[in-house]
Amino acid sequence: MGYSDYGAFVYLDGARRPDREDCQPLPGRPGEMFHAALGEARVLLACDRLRVHLFVEGAEVGIAAYTVASPPRGCAEAWSGEIEGVRFSAYRYATSVDLHLLEDGRAWTANCGVGRGAGFEDD
C-alpha cells in the first residue's frame, strides 16, 4: 500500500517483490522510505514519489551524472549508466517513473508514481 498518493510495483525476474515496495532498504537509516528499491548488492536504485535516487554501498551518489542528453519522446528526464558491472536506467514521465536495474544476470523493474502500487491498482 502506498504511504501517500504515490506507490509502486517492483519485480525481480518477473516475480513481484512487495518487500521492495514502500520500504526502508538502507540499514542504519531508519525513517528513510522509498516507494521502490531495486538491487540487493552494492548498487541500489530507488524512487520516492517522482524522485530517483542512486546509492553505492549505502551512500547516495549524484544521479545527475548519468543524465541522458536526449530522453525518449514523452519522457521528461532519463538516466542511464553502469557502476561496478550493475547496469541501470530510469525514465521520469509526468506522473510516473520506470526503473530498471540488471545485476548478476537478474533483472529488476519497477513502475512508481501517482496512484500506482498496491491499494491503488492490481499488478
PDB file of N, CA and C in Angstrom:
ATOM      1  N   MET A   1       0.853  -1.181   0.000  1.00  0.00           N
ATOM      2  CA  MET A   1       0.000   0.000   0.000  1.00  0.00           C
ATOM      3  C   MET A   1       0.884   1.225   0.000  1.00  0.00           C
ATOM      4  N   GLY A   2       0.630   2.140  -0.889  1.00  0.00           N
ATOM      5  CA  GLY A   2       1.391   3.379  -0.913  1.00  0.00           C
ATOM      6  C   GLY A   2       1.197   4.161   0.366  1.00  0.00           C
ATOM      7  N   TYR A   3       2.251   4.832   0.844  1.00  0.00           N
ATOM      8  CA  TYR A   3       2.137   5.602   2.082  1.00  0.00           C
ATOM      9  C   TYR A   3       1.758   7.048   1.806  1.00  0.00           C
ATOM     10  N   SER A   4       1.361   7.342   0.581  1.00  0.00           N
ATOM     11  CA  SER A   4       0.845   8.658   0.200  1.00  0.00           C
ATOM     12  C   SER A   4       0.016   8.416  -1.048  1.00  0.00           C
ATOM     13  N   ASP A   5      -0.154   9.414  -1.877  1.00  0.00           N
ATOM     14  CA  ASP A   5      -0.847   9.206  -3.146  1.00  0.00           C
ATOM     15  C   ASP A   5       0.052   8.525  -4.172  1.00  0.00           C
ATOM     16  N   TYR A   6       1.273   8.195  -3.764  1.00  0.00           N
ATOM     17  CA  TYR A   6       2.244   7.546  -4.636  1.00  0.00           C
ATOM     18  C   TYR A   6       2.459   6.111  -4.181  1.00  0.00           C
ATOM     19  N   GLY A   7       2.887   5.274  -5.098  1.00  0.00           N
ATOM     20  CA  GLY A   7       3.196   3.895  -4.770  1.00  0.00           C
ATOM     21  C   GLY A   7       3.960   3.261  -5.911  1.00  0.00           C
ATOM     22  N   ALA A   8       4.182   1.945  -5.831  1.00  0.00           N
ATOM     23  CA  ALA A   8       4.962   1.260  -6.855  1.00  0.00           C
ATOM     24  C   ALA A   8       4.677  -0.227  -6.863  1.00  0.00           C
ATOM     25  N   PHE A   9       5.029  -0.843  -7.970  1.00  0.00           N
ATOM     26  CA  PHE A   9       5.126  -2.291  -8.085  1.00  0.00           C
ATOM     27  C   PHE A   9       6.574  -2.583  -8.456  1.00  0.00           C
ATOM     28  N   VAL A  10       7.194  -3.537  -7.775  1.00  0.00           N
ATOM     29  CA  VAL A  10       8.582  -3.915  -8.020  1.00  0.00           C
ATOM     30  C   VAL A  10       8.627  -5.405  -8.379  1.00  0.00           C
ATOM     31  N   TYR A  11       9.468  -5.735  -9.366  1.00  0.00           N
ATOM     32  CA  TYR A  11       9.608  -7.114  -9.820  1.00  0.00           C
ATOM     33  C   TYR A  11      11.084  -7.480  -9.942  1.00  0.00           C
ATOM     34  N   LEU A  12      11.389  -8.732  -9.648  1.00  0.00           N
ATOM     35  CA  LEU A  12      12.715  -9.298  -9.873  1.00  0.00           C
ATOM     36  C   LEU A  12      12.524 -10.514 -10.764  1.00  0.00           C
ATOM     37  N   ASP A  13      13.077 -10.452 -11.966  1.00  0.00           N
ATOM     38  CA  ASP A  13      12.918 -11.519 -12.966  1.00  0.00           C
ATOM     39  C   ASP A  13      11.449 -11.874 -13.165  1.00  0.00           C
ATOM     40  N   GLY A  14      10.592 -10.870 -13.171  1.00  0.00           N
ATOM     41  CA  GLY A  14       9.172 -11.058 -13.433  1.00  0.00           C
ATOM     42  C   GLY A  14       8.328 -11.437 -12.227  1.00  0.00           C
ATOM     43  N   ALA A  15       8.950 -11.726 -11.090  1.00  0.00           N
ATOM     44  CA  ALA A  15       8.205 -12.088  -9.876  1.00  0.00           C
ATOM     45  C   ALA A  15       8.056 -10.849  -8.992  1.00  0.00           C
ATOM     46  N   ARG A  16       6.871 -10.627  -8.527  1.00  0.00           N
ATOM     47  CA  ARG A  16       6.579  -9.463  -7.677  1.00  0.00           C
ATOM     48  C   ARG A  16       7.393  -9.510  -6.396  1.00  0.00           C
ATOM     49  N   ARG A  17       7.924  -8.355  -5.986  1.00  0.00           N
ATOM     50  CA  ARG A  17       8.707  -8.234  -4.754  1.00  0.00           C
ATOM     51  C   ARG A  17       8.098  -7.150  -3.865  1.00  0.00           C
ATOM     52  N   PRO A  18       6.989  -7.449  -3.180  1.00  0.00           N
ATOM     53  CA  PRO A  18       6.355  -6.444  -2.330  1.00  0.00           C
ATOM     54  C   PRO A  18       7.248  -5.973  -1.179  1.00  0.00           C
ATOM     55  N   ASP A  19       8.261  -6.782  -0.819  1.00  0.00           N
ATOM     56  CA  ASP A  19       9.187  -6.364   0.238  1.00  0.00           C
ATOM     57  C   ASP A  19      10.079  -5.200  -0.201  1.00  0.00           C
ATOM     58  N   ARG A  20      10.091  -4.900  -1.516  1.00  0.00           N
ATOM     59  CA  ARG A  20      10.886  -3.789  -2.037  1.00  0.00           C
ATOM     60  C   ARG A  20      10.000  -2.614  -2.445  1.00  0.00           C
ATOM     61  N   GLU A  21       8.750  -2.649  -1.998  1.00  0.00           N
ATOM     62  CA  GLU A  21       7.785  -1.563  -2.231  1.00  0.00           C
ATOM     63  C   GLU A  21       7.507  -0.887  -0.892  1.00  0.00           C
ATOM     64  N   ASP A  22       7.495   0.437  -0.886  1.00  0.00           N
ATOM     65  CA  ASP A  22       7.254   1.187   0.350  1.00  0.00           C
ATOM     66  C   ASP A  22       8.111   0.612   1.472  1.00  0.00           C
ATOM     67  N   CYS A  23       9.414   0.675   1.274  1.00  0.00           N
ATOM     68  CA  CYS A  23      10.337   0.001   2.180  1.00  0.00           C
ATOM     69  C   CYS A  23      11.475   0.915   2.640  1.00  0.00           C
ATOM     70  N   GLN A  24      12.216   0.414   3.607  1.00  0.00           N
ATOM     71  CA  GLN A  24      13.421   1.064   4.128  1.00  0.00           C
ATOM     72  C   GLN A  24      14.601   0.150   3.790  1.00  0.00           C
ATOM     73  N   PRO A  25      15.165   0.254   2.586  1.00  0.00           N
ATOM     74  CA  PRO A  25      16.177  -0.705   2.149  1.00  0.00           C
ATOM     75  C   PRO A  25      17.588  -0.467   2.674  1.00  0.00           C
ATOM     76  N   LEU A  26      17.835   0.677   3.304  1.00  0.00           N
ATOM     77  CA  LEU A  26      19.181   1.009   3.745  1.00  0.00           C
ATOM     78  C   LEU A  26      19.315   0.849   5.253  1.00  0.00           C
ATOM     79  N   PRO A  27      20.061  -0.158   5.690  1.00  0.00           N
ATOM     80  CA  PRO A  27      20.256  -0.350   7.133  1.00  0.00           C
ATOM     81  C   PRO A  27      20.915   0.885   7.754  1.00  0.00           C
ATOM     82  N   GLY A  28      20.535   1.173   8.963  1.00  0.00           N
ATOM     83  CA  GLY A  28      21.125   2.314   9.659  1.00  0.00           C
ATOM     84  C   GLY A  28      20.543   3.654   9.265  1.00  0.00           C
ATOM     85  N   ARG A  29      19.519   3.649   8.420  1.00  0.00           N
ATOM     86  CA  ARG A  29      18.880   4.900   8.016  1.00  0.00           C
ATOM     87  C   ARG A  29      17.373   4.794   8.254  1.00  0.00           C
ATOM     88  N   PRO A  30      16.973   4.646   9.502  1.00  0.00           N
ATOM     89  CA  PRO A  30      15.541   4.487   9.795  1.00  0.00           C
ATOM     90  C   PRO A  30      14.752   5.716   9.371  1.00  0.00           C
ATOM     91  N   GLY A  31      13.554   5.459   8.926  1.00  0.00           N
ATOM     92  CA  GLY A  31      12.687   6.556   8.520  1.00  0.00           C
ATOM     93  C   GLY A  31      12.867   6.985   7.080  1.00  0.00           C
ATOM     94  N   GLU A  32      13.897   6.488   6.424  1.00  0.00           N
ATOM     95  CA  GLU A  32      14.111   6.829   5.009  1.00  0.00           C
ATOM     96  C   GLU A  32      13.382   5.809   4.153  1.00  0.00           C
ATOM     97  N   MET A  33      12.186   6.178   3.705  1.00  0.00           N
ATOM     98  CA  MET A  33      11.315   5.288   2.949  1.00  0.00           C
ATOM     99  C   MET A  33      11.414   5.585   1.455  1.00  0.00           C
ATOM    100  N   PHE A  34      11.253   4.522   0.681  1.00  0.00           N
ATOM    101  CA  PHE A  34      11.199   4.651  -0.773  1.00  0.00           C
ATOM    102  C   PHE A  34      10.010   3.858  -1.274  1.00  0.00           C
ATOM    103  N   HIS A  35       9.370   4.340  -2.327  1.00  0.00           N
ATOM    104  CA  HIS A  35       8.251   3.610  -2.919  1.00  0.00           C
ATOM    105  C   HIS A  35       8.749   2.374  -3.646  1.00  0.00           C
ATOM    106  N   ALA A  36       9.952   2.450  -4.213  1.00  0.00           N
ATOM    107  CA  ALA A  36      10.551   1.315  -4.907  1.00  0.00           C
ATOM    108  C   ALA A  36      12.046   1.300  -4.629  1.00  0.00           C
ATOM    109  N   ALA A  37      12.596   0.089  -4.433  1.00  0.00           N
ATOM    110  CA  ALA A  37      14.040  -0.067  -4.231  1.00  0.00           C
ATOM    111  C   ALA A  37      14.491  -1.297  -5.007  1.00  0.00           C
ATOM    112  N   LEU A  38      15.391  -1.094  -5.963  1.00  0.00           N
ATOM    113  CA  LEU A  38      15.881  -2.158  -6.821  1.00  0.00           C
ATOM    114  C   LEU A  38      17.339  -2.445  -6.511  1.00  0.00           C
ATOM    115  N   GLY A  39      17.663  -3.721  -6.385  1.00  0.00           N
ATOM    116  CA  GLY A  39      19.037  -4.137  -6.166  1.00  0.00           C
ATOM    117  C   GLY A  39      19.235  -4.715  -4.782  1.00  0.00           C
ATOM    118  N   GLU A  40      20.139  -5.692  -4.705  1.00  0.00           N
ATOM    119  CA  GLU A  40      20.449  -6.318  -3.422  1.00  0.00           C
ATOM    120  C   GLU A  40      21.942  -6.345  -3.158  1.00  0.00           C
ATOM    121  N   ALA A  41      22.711  -5.808  -4.081  1.00  0.00           N
ATOM    122  CA  ALA A  41      24.159  -5.823  -3.915  1.00  0.00           C
ATOM    123  C   ALA A  41      24.637  -4.418  -3.551  1.00  0.00           C
ATOM    124  N   ARG A  42      25.754  -4.031  -4.100  1.00  0.00           N
ATOM    125  CA  ARG A  42      26.367  -2.746  -3.740  1.00  0.00           C
ATOM    126  C   ARG A  42      25.634  -1.545  -4.324  1.00  0.00           C
ATOM    127  N   VAL A  43      24.893  -1.741  -5.414  1.00  0.00           N
ATOM    128  CA  VAL A  43      24.205  -0.638  -6.085  1.00  0.00           C
ATOM    129  C   VAL A  43      22.706  -0.761  -5.853  1.00  0.00           C
ATOM    130  N   LEU A  44      22.085   0.348  -5.461  1.00  0.00           N
ATOM    131  CA  LEU A  44      20.647   0.390  -5.202  1.00  0.00           C
ATOM    132  C   LEU A  44      20.056   1.564  -5.978  1.00  0.00           C
ATOM    133  N   LEU A  45      19.009   1.304  -6.738  1.00  0.00           N
ATOM    134  CA  LEU A  45      18.271   2.338  -7.455  1.00  0.00           C
ATOM    135  C   LEU A  45      16.908   2.448  -6.796  1.00  0.00           C
ATOM    136  N   ALA A  46      16.535   3.640  -6.376  1.00  0.00           N
ATOM    137  CA  ALA A  46      15.299   3.803  -5.620  1.00  0.00           C
ATOM    138  C   ALA A  46      14.498   4.991  -6.138  1.00  0.00           C
ATOM    139  N   CYS A  47      13.215   4.996  -5.788  1.00  0.00           N
ATOM    140  CA  CYS A  47      12.332   6.086  -6.177  1.00  0.00           C
ATOM    141  C   CYS A  47      11.451   6.473  -5.000  1.00  0.00           C
ATOM    142  N   ASP A  48      11.352   7.754  -4.757  1.00  0.00           N
ATOM    143  CA  ASP A  48      10.461   8.323  -3.752  1.00  0.00           C
ATOM    144  C   ASP A  48       9.626   9.373  -4.473  1.00  0.00           C
ATOM    145  N   ARG A  49       8.342   9.146  -4.520  1.00  0.00           N
ATOM    146  CA  ARG A  49       7.447   9.976  -5.336  1.00  0.00           C
ATOM    147  C   ARG A  49       7.955   9.924  -6.768  1.00  0.00           C
ATOM    148  N   LEU A  50       8.392  11.021  -7.337  1.00  0.00           N
ATOM    149  CA  LEU A  50       8.941  11.006  -8.700  1.00  0.00           C
ATOM    150  C   LEU A  50      10.434  11.308  -8.703  1.00  0.00           C
ATOM    151  N   ARG A  51      11.065  11.195  -7.528  1.00  0.00           N
ATOM    152  CA  ARG A  51      12.499  11.467  -7.412  1.00  0.00           C
ATOM    153  C   ARG A  51      13.285  10.160  -7.460  1.00  0.00           C
ATOM    154  N   VAL A  52      14.315  10.137  -8.297  1.00  0.00           N
ATOM    155  CA  VAL A  52      15.155   8.952  -8.457  1.00  0.00           C
ATOM    156  C   VAL A  52      16.421   9.128  -7.618  1.00  0.00           C
ATOM    157  N   HIS A  53      16.798   8.066  -6.908  1.00  0.00           N
ATOM    158  CA  HIS A  53      17.982   8.080  -6.048  1.00  0.00           C
ATOM    159  C   HIS A  53      18.875   6.901  -6.421  1.00  0.00           C
ATOM    160  N   LEU A  54      20.180   7.116  -6.366  1.00  0.00           N
ATOM    161  CA  LEU A  54      21.149   6.081  -6.666  1.00  0.00           C
ATOM    162  C   LEU A  54      22.124   5.980  -5.500  1.00  0.00           C
ATOM    163  N   PHE A  55      22.316   4.764  -5.004  1.00  0.00           N
ATOM    164  CA  PHE A  55      23.199   4.528  -3.860  1.00  0.00           C
ATOM    165  C   PHE A  55      24.264   3.498  -4.237  1.00  0.00           C
ATOM    166  N   VAL A  56      25.480   3.719  -3.762  1.00  0.00           N
ATOM    167  CA  VAL A  56      26.558   2.752  -3.893  1.00  0.00           C
ATOM    168  C   VAL A  56      27.097   2.509  -2.490  1.00  0.00           C
ATOM    169  N   GLU A  57      27.033   1.257  -2.058  1.00  0.00           N
ATOM    170  CA  GLU A  57      27.446   0.873  -0.702  1.00  0.00           C
ATOM    171  C   GLU A  57      26.772   1.734   0.365  1.00  0.00           C
ATOM    172  N   GLY A  58      25.494   2.059   0.153  1.00  0.00           N
ATOM    173  CA  GLY A  58      24.715   2.802   1.127  1.00  0.00           C
ATOM    174  C   GLY A  58      24.856   4.307   1.070  1.00  0.00           C
ATOM    175  N   ALA A  59      25.777   4.819   0.250  1.00  0.00           N
ATOM    176  CA  ALA A  59      25.966   6.269   0.133  1.00  0.00           C
ATOM    177  C   ALA A  59      25.311   6.760  -1.154  1.00  0.00           C
ATOM    178  N   GLU A  60      24.534   7.822  -1.043  1.00  0.00           N
ATOM    179  CA  GLU A  60      23.873   8.358  -2.232  1.00  0.00           C
ATOM    180  C   GLU A  60      24.897   9.035  -3.126  1.00  0.00           C
ATOM    181  N   VAL A  61      24.814   8.710  -4.414  1.00  0.00           N
ATOM    182  CA  VAL A  61      25.667   9.339  -5.420  1.00  0.00           C
ATOM    183  C   VAL A  61      24.769  10.155  -6.346  1.00  0.00           C
ATOM    184  N   GLY A  62      25.318  11.148  -6.946  1.00  0.00           N
ATOM    185  CA  GLY A  62      24.523  12.040  -7.797  1.00  0.00           C
ATOM    186  C   GLY A  62      24.018  11.366  -9.059  1.00  0.00           C
ATOM    187  N   ILE A  63      22.712  11.232  -9.178  1.00  0.00           N
ATOM    188  CA  ILE A  63      22.103  10.645 -10.371  1.00  0.00           C
ATOM    189  C   ILE A  63      22.292  11.561 -11.573  1.00  0.00           C
ATOM    190  N   ALA A  64      22.491  12.855 -11.338  1.00  0.00           N
ATOM    191  CA  ALA A  64      22.625  13.821 -12.435  1.00  0.00           C
ATOM    192  C   ALA A  64      23.781  13.479 -13.367  1.00  0.00           C
ATOM    193  N   ALA A  65      24.818  12.851 -12.848  1.00  0.00           N
ATOM    194  CA  ALA A  65      25.971  12.472 -13.678  1.00  0.00           C
ATOM    195  C   ALA A  65      25.594  11.452 -14.744  1.00  0.00           C
ATOM    196  N   TYR A  66      24.437  10.820 -14.590  1.00  0.00           N
ATOM    197  CA  TYR A  66      24.006   9.772 -15.513  1.00  0.00           C
ATOM    198  C   TYR A  66      22.829  10.223 -16.381  1.00  0.00           C
ATOM    199  N   THR A  67      22.609  11.532 -16.457  1.00  0.00           N
ATOM    200  CA  THR A  67      21.502  12.083 -17.246  1.00  0.00           C
ATOM    201  C   THR A  67      21.686  11.772 -18.729  1.00  0.00           C
ATOM    202  N   VAL A  68      20.613  11.313 -19.355  1.00  0.00           N
ATOM    203  CA  VAL A  68      20.604  11.049 -20.796  1.00  0.00           C
ATOM    204  C   VAL A  68      20.340  12.380 -21.495  1.00  0.00           C
ATOM    205  N   ALA A  69      21.210  12.746 -22.437  1.00  0.00           N
ATOM    206  CA  ALA A  69      21.117  14.048 -23.109  1.00  0.00           C
ATOM    207  C   ALA A  69      19.813  14.230 -23.877  1.00  0.00           C
ATOM    208  N   SER A  70      19.364  13.194 -24.557  1.00  0.00           N
ATOM    209  CA  SER A  70      18.120  13.264 -25.335  1.00  0.00           C
ATOM    210  C   SER A  70      17.193  12.141 -24.885  1.00  0.00           C
ATOM    211  N   PRO A  71      16.358  12.402 -23.857  1.00  0.00           N
ATOM    212  CA  PRO A  71      15.461  11.341 -23.372  1.00  0.00           C
ATOM    213  C   PRO A  71      14.448  10.944 -24.442  1.00  0.00           C
ATOM    214  N   PRO A  72      13.906   9.737 -24.346  1.00  0.00           N
ATOM    215  CA  PRO A  72      12.907   9.285 -25.313  1.00  0.00           C
ATOM    216  C   PRO A  72      11.687  10.214 -25.352  1.00  0.00           C
ATOM    217  N   ARG A  73      11.004  10.203 -26.451  1.00  0.00           N
ATOM    218  CA  ARG A  73       9.812  11.036 -26.637  1.00  0.00           C
ATOM    219  C   ARG A  73       8.803  10.773 -25.512  1.00  0.00           C
ATOM    220  N   GLY A  74       8.248  11.829 -24.949  1.00  0.00           N
ATOM    221  CA  GLY A  74       7.258  11.721 -23.879  1.00  0.00           C
ATOM    222  C   GLY A  74       7.865  11.618 -22.493  1.00  0.00           C
ATOM    223  N   CYS A  75       9.167  11.485 -22.435  1.00  0.00           N
ATOM    224  CA  CYS A  75       9.877  11.324 -21.173  1.00  0.00           C
ATOM    225  C   CYS A  75      10.454  12.680 -20.748  1.00  0.00           C
ATOM    226  N   ALA A  76      10.190  13.091 -19.515  1.00  0.00           N
ATOM    227  CA  ALA A  76      10.675  14.382 -19.030  1.00  0.00           C
ATOM    228  C   ALA A  76      12.176  14.351 -18.753  1.00  0.00           C
ATOM    229  N   GLU A  77      12.647  13.267 -18.129  1.00  0.00           N
ATOM    230  CA  GLU A  77      14.061  13.090 -17.815  1.00  0.00           C
ATOM    231  C   GLU A  77      14.398  11.611 -17.865  1.00  0.00           C
ATOM    232  N   ALA A  78      15.657  11.323 -18.165  1.00  0.00           N
ATOM    233  CA  ALA A  78      16.105   9.928 -18.186  1.00  0.00           C
ATOM    234  C   ALA A  78      17.543   9.863 -17.689  1.00  0.00           C
ATOM    235  N   TRP A  79      17.867   8.728 -17.067  1.00  0.00           N
ATOM    236  CA  TRP A  79      19.213   8.468 -16.561  1.00  0.00           C
ATOM    237  C   TRP A  79      19.586   7.050 -16.952  1.00  0.00           C
ATOM    238  N   SER A  80      20.862   6.834 -17.233  1.00  0.00           N
ATOM    239  CA  SER A  80      21.321   5.505 -17.605  1.00  0.00           C
ATOM    240  C   SER A  80      22.811   5.406 -17.315  1.00  0.00           C
ATOM    241  N   GLY A  81      23.235   4.225 -16.845  1.00  0.00           N
ATOM    242  CA  GLY A  81      24.647   4.058 -16.574  1.00  0.00           C
ATOM    243  C   GLY A  81      24.986   2.671 -16.094  1.00  0.00           C
ATOM    244  N   GLU A  82      26.253   2.520 -15.718  1.00  0.00           N
ATOM    245  CA  GLU A  82      26.753   1.259 -15.193  1.00  0.00           C
ATOM    246  C   GLU A  82      27.768   1.560 -14.105  1.00  0.00           C
ATOM    247  N   ILE A  83      27.620   0.890 -12.986  1.00  0.00           N
ATOM    248  CA  ILE A  83      28.547   1.013 -11.861  1.00  0.00           C
ATOM    249  C   ILE A  83      28.923  -0.392 -11.426  1.00  0.00           C
ATOM    250  N   GLU A  84      30.214  -0.686 -11.461  1.00  0.00           N
ATOM    251  CA  GLU A  84      30.722  -1.981 -10.991  1.00  0.00           C
ATOM    252  C   GLU A  84      29.972  -3.159 -11.613  1.00  0.00           C
ATOM    253  N   GLY A  85      29.684  -3.068 -12.910  1.00  0.00           N
ATOM    254  CA  GLY A  85      29.004  -4.144 -13.617  1.00  0.00           C
ATOM    255  C   GLY A  85      27.501  -4.174 -13.466  1.00  0.00           C
ATOM    256  N   VAL A  86      26.942  -3.262 -12.678  1.00  0.00           N
ATOM    257  CA  VAL A  86      25.487  -3.173 -12.497  1.00  0.00           C
ATOM    258  C   VAL A  86      24.967  -2.084 -13.437  1.00  0.00           C
ATOM    259  N   ARG A  87      24.091  -2.466 -14.350  1.00  0.00           N
ATOM    260  CA  ARG A  87      23.502  -1.514 -15.296  1.00  0.00           C
ATOM    261  C   ARG A  87      22.151  -1.042 -14.767  1.00  0.00           C
ATOM    262  N   PHE A  88      21.862   0.228 -14.990  1.00  0.00           N
ATOM    263  CA  PHE A  88      20.599   0.789 -14.511  1.00  0.00           C
ATOM    264  C   PHE A  88      20.102   1.853 -15.469  1.00  0.00           C
ATOM    265  N   SER A  89      18.796   2.095 -15.406  1.00  0.00           N
ATOM    266  CA  SER A  89      18.186   3.202 -16.144  1.00  0.00           C
ATOM    267  C   SER A  89      16.908   3.608 -15.428  1.00  0.00           C
ATOM    268  N   ALA A  90      16.537   4.855 -15.624  1.00  0.00           N
ATOM    269  CA  ALA A  90      15.301   5.385 -15.035  1.00  0.00           C
ATOM    270  C   ALA A  90      14.722   6.403 -15.999  1.00  0.00           C
ATOM    271  N   TYR A  91      13.414   6.392 -16.139  1.00  0.00           N
ATOM    272  CA  TYR A  91      12.709   7.282 -17.047  1.00  0.00           C
ATOM    273  C   TYR A  91      11.576   7.953 -16.288  1.00  0.00           C
ATOM    274  N   ARG A  92      11.630   9.287 -16.183  1.00  0.00           N
ATOM    275  CA  ARG A  92      10.593  10.024 -15.463  1.00  0.00           C
ATOM    276  C   ARG A  92       9.638  10.664 -16.458  1.00  0.00           C
ATOM    277  N   TYR A  93       8.349  10.383 -16.242  1.00  0.00           N
ATOM    278  CA  TYR A  93       7.267  10.960 -17.031  1.00  0.00           C
ATOM    279  C   TYR A  93       6.503  11.931 -16.143  1.00  0.00           C
ATOM    280  N   ALA A  94       5.414  12.480 -16.612  1.00  0.00           N
ATOM    281  CA  ALA A  94       4.660  13.482 -15.853  1.00  0.00           C
ATOM    282  C   ALA A  94       4.163  12.951 -14.508  1.00  0.00           C
ATOM    283  N   THR A  95       3.693  11.701 -14.466  1.00  0.00           N
ATOM    284  CA  THR A  95       3.119  11.170 -13.223  1.00  0.00           C
ATOM    285  C   THR A  95       3.700   9.826 -12.806  1.00  0.00           C
ATOM    286  N   SER A  96       4.785   9.397 -13.443  1.00  0.00           N
ATOM    287  CA  SER A  96       5.354   8.093 -13.095  1.00  0.00           C
ATOM    288  C   SER A  96       6.839   8.030 -13.422  1.00  0.00           C
ATOM    289  N   VAL A  97       7.475   6.995 -12.874  1.00  0.00           N
ATOM    290  CA  VAL A  97       8.890   6.706 -13.140  1.00  0.00           C
ATOM    291  C   VAL A  97       9.020   5.214 -13.399  1.00  0.00           C
ATOM    292  N   ASP A  98       9.741   4.854 -14.465  1.00  0.00           N
ATOM    293  CA  ASP A  98      10.080   3.462 -14.737  1.00  0.00           C
ATOM    294  C   ASP A  98      11.541   3.260 -14.372  1.00  0.00           C
ATOM    295  N   LEU A  99      11.820   2.228 -13.590  1.00  0.00           N
ATOM    296  CA  LEU A  99      13.176   1.914 -13.149  1.00  0.00           C
ATOM    297  C   LEU A  99      13.578   0.534 -13.666  1.00  0.00           C
ATOM    298  N   HIS A 100      14.865   0.397 -14.012  1.00  0.00           N
ATOM    299  CA  HIS A 100      15.416  -0.876 -14.478  1.00  0.00           C
ATOM    300  C   HIS A 100      16.809  -1.024 -13.884  1.00  0.00           C
ATOM    301  N   LEU A 101      17.129  -2.228 -13.404  1.00  0.00           N
ATOM    302  CA  LEU A 101      18.454  -2.494 -12.864  1.00  0.00           C
ATOM    303  C   LEU A 101      18.803  -3.951 -13.170  1.00  0.00           C
ATOM    304  N   LEU A 102      19.991  -4.168 -13.701  1.00  0.00           N
ATOM    305  CA  LEU A 102      20.453  -5.510 -14.033  1.00  0.00           C
ATOM    306  C   LEU A 102      21.716  -5.786 -13.244  1.00  0.00           C
ATOM    307  N   GLU A 103      21.629  -6.763 -12.322  1.00  0.00           N
ATOM    308  CA  GLU A 103      22.790  -7.146 -11.515  1.00  0.00           C
ATOM    309  C   GLU A 103      22.917  -8.663 -11.500  1.00  0.00           C
ATOM    310  N   ASP A 104      24.101  -9.134 -11.726  1.00  0.00           N
ATOM    311  CA  ASP A 104      24.380 -10.574 -11.688  1.00  0.00           C
ATOM    312  C   ASP A 104      23.402 -11.384 -12.543  1.00  0.00           C
ATOM    313  N   GLY A 105      23.020 -10.847 -13.704  1.00  0.00           N
ATOM    314  CA  GLY A 105      22.108 -11.542 -14.608  1.00  0.00           C
ATOM    315  C   GLY A 105      20.662 -11.528 -14.186  1.00  0.00           C
ATOM    316  N   ARG A 106      20.342 -10.825 -13.116  1.00  0.00           N
ATOM    317  CA  ARG A 106      18.958 -10.736 -12.629  1.00  0.00           C
ATOM    318  C   ARG A 106      18.401  -9.358 -12.966  1.00  0.00           C
ATOM    319  N   ALA A 107      17.184  -9.324 -13.461  1.00  0.00           N
ATOM    320  CA  ALA A 107      16.558  -8.079 -13.912  1.00  0.00           C
ATOM    321  C   ALA A 107      15.515  -7.575 -12.931  1.00  0.00           C
ATOM    322  N   TRP A 108      15.763  -6.389 -12.390  1.00  0.00           N
ATOM    323  CA  TRP A 108      14.798  -5.686 -11.537  1.00  0.00           C
ATOM    324  C   TRP A 108      14.056  -4.669 -12.394  1.00  0.00           C
ATOM    325  N   THR A 109      12.761  -4.516 -12.170  1.00  0.00           N
ATOM    326  CA  THR A 109      11.973  -3.469 -12.819  1.00  0.00           C
ATOM    327  C   THR A 109      10.973  -2.913 -11.814  1.00  0.00           C
ATOM    328  N   ALA A 110      10.582  -1.679 -12.039  1.00  0.00           N
ATOM    329  CA  ALA A 110       9.555  -1.058 -11.183  1.00  0.00           C
ATOM    330  C   ALA A 110       8.867   0.054 -11.944  1.00  0.00           C
ATOM    331  N   ASN A 111       7.630   0.282 -11.579  1.00  0.00           N
ATOM    332  CA  ASN A 111       6.889   1.440 -12.046  1.00  0.00           C
ATOM    333  C   ASN A 111       6.316   2.102 -10.804  1.00  0.00           C
ATOM    334  N   CYS A 112       6.674   3.354 -10.585  1.00  0.00           N
ATOM    335  CA  CYS A 112       6.144   4.061  -9.428  1.00  0.00           C
ATOM    336  C   CYS A 112       5.607   5.414  -9.861  1.00  0.00           C
ATOM    337  N   GLY A 113       4.704   5.927  -9.051  1.00  0.00           N
ATOM    338  CA  GLY A 113       4.140   7.222  -9.365  1.00  0.00           C
ATOM    339  C   GLY A 113       2.808   7.440  -8.679  1.00  0.00           C
ATOM    340  N   VAL A 114       2.095   8.426  -9.176  1.00  0.00           N
ATOM    341  CA  VAL A 114       0.804   8.815  -8.615  1.00  0.00           C
ATOM    342  C   VAL A 114      -0.222   7.714  -8.870  1.00  0.00           C
ATOM    343  N   GLY A 115      -0.894   7.267  -7.800  1.00  0.00           N
ATOM    344  CA  GLY A 115      -1.956   6.288  -7.933  1.00  0.00           C
ATOM    345  C   GLY A 115      -1.489   4.910  -8.367  1.00  0.00           C
ATOM    346  N   ARG A 116      -0.219   4.606  -8.152  1.00  0.00           N
ATOM    347  CA  ARG A 116       0.328   3.303  -8.533  1.00  0.00           C
ATOM    348  C   ARG A 116       0.525   2.457  -7.273  1.00  0.00           C
ATOM    349  N   GLY A 117       0.675   1.175  -7.471  1.00  0.00           N
ATOM    350  CA  GLY A 117       1.021   0.288  -6.367  1.00  0.00           C
ATOM    351  C   GLY A 117      -0.177  -0.339  -5.685  1.00  0.00           C
ATOM    352  N   ALA A 118       0.134  -1.245  -4.777  1.00  0.00           N
ATOM    353  CA  ALA A 118      -0.892  -1.960  -4.024  1.00  0.00           C
ATOM    354  C   ALA A 118      -1.782  -0.969  -3.292  1.00  0.00           C
ATOM    355  N   GLY A 119      -3.057  -1.231  -3.308  1.00  0.00           N
ATOM    356  CA  GLY A 119      -4.004  -0.323  -2.679  1.00  0.00           C
ATOM    357  C   GLY A 119      -4.614   0.657  -3.670  1.00  0.00           C
ATOM    358  N   PHE A 120      -3.922   0.865  -4.792  1.00  0.00           N
ATOM    359  CA  PHE A 120      -4.429   1.737  -5.846  1.00  0.00           C
ATOM    360  C   PHE A 120      -4.922   0.927  -7.032  1.00  0.00           C
ATOM    361  N   GLU A 121      -4.166  -0.130  -7.384  1.00  0.00           N
ATOM    362  CA  GLU A 121      -4.500  -0.945  -8.541  1.00  0.00           C
ATOM    363  C   GLU A 121      -3.856  -2.321  -8.368  1.00  0.00           C
ATOM    364  N   ASP A 122      -4.372  -3.290  -9.086  1.00  0.00           N
ATOM    365  CA  ASP A 122      -3.777  -4.620  -9.075  1.00  0.00           C
ATOM    366  C   ASP A 122      -2.589  -4.648 -10.012  1.00  0.00           C
ATOM    367  N   ASP A 123      -1.640  -5.535  -9.714  1.00  0.00           N
ATOM    368  CA  ASP A 123      -0.497  -5.644 -10.633  1.00  0.00           C
ATOM    369  C   ASP A 123      -0.768  -6.609 -11.745  1.00  0.00           C
TER     370      ASP A 123
END
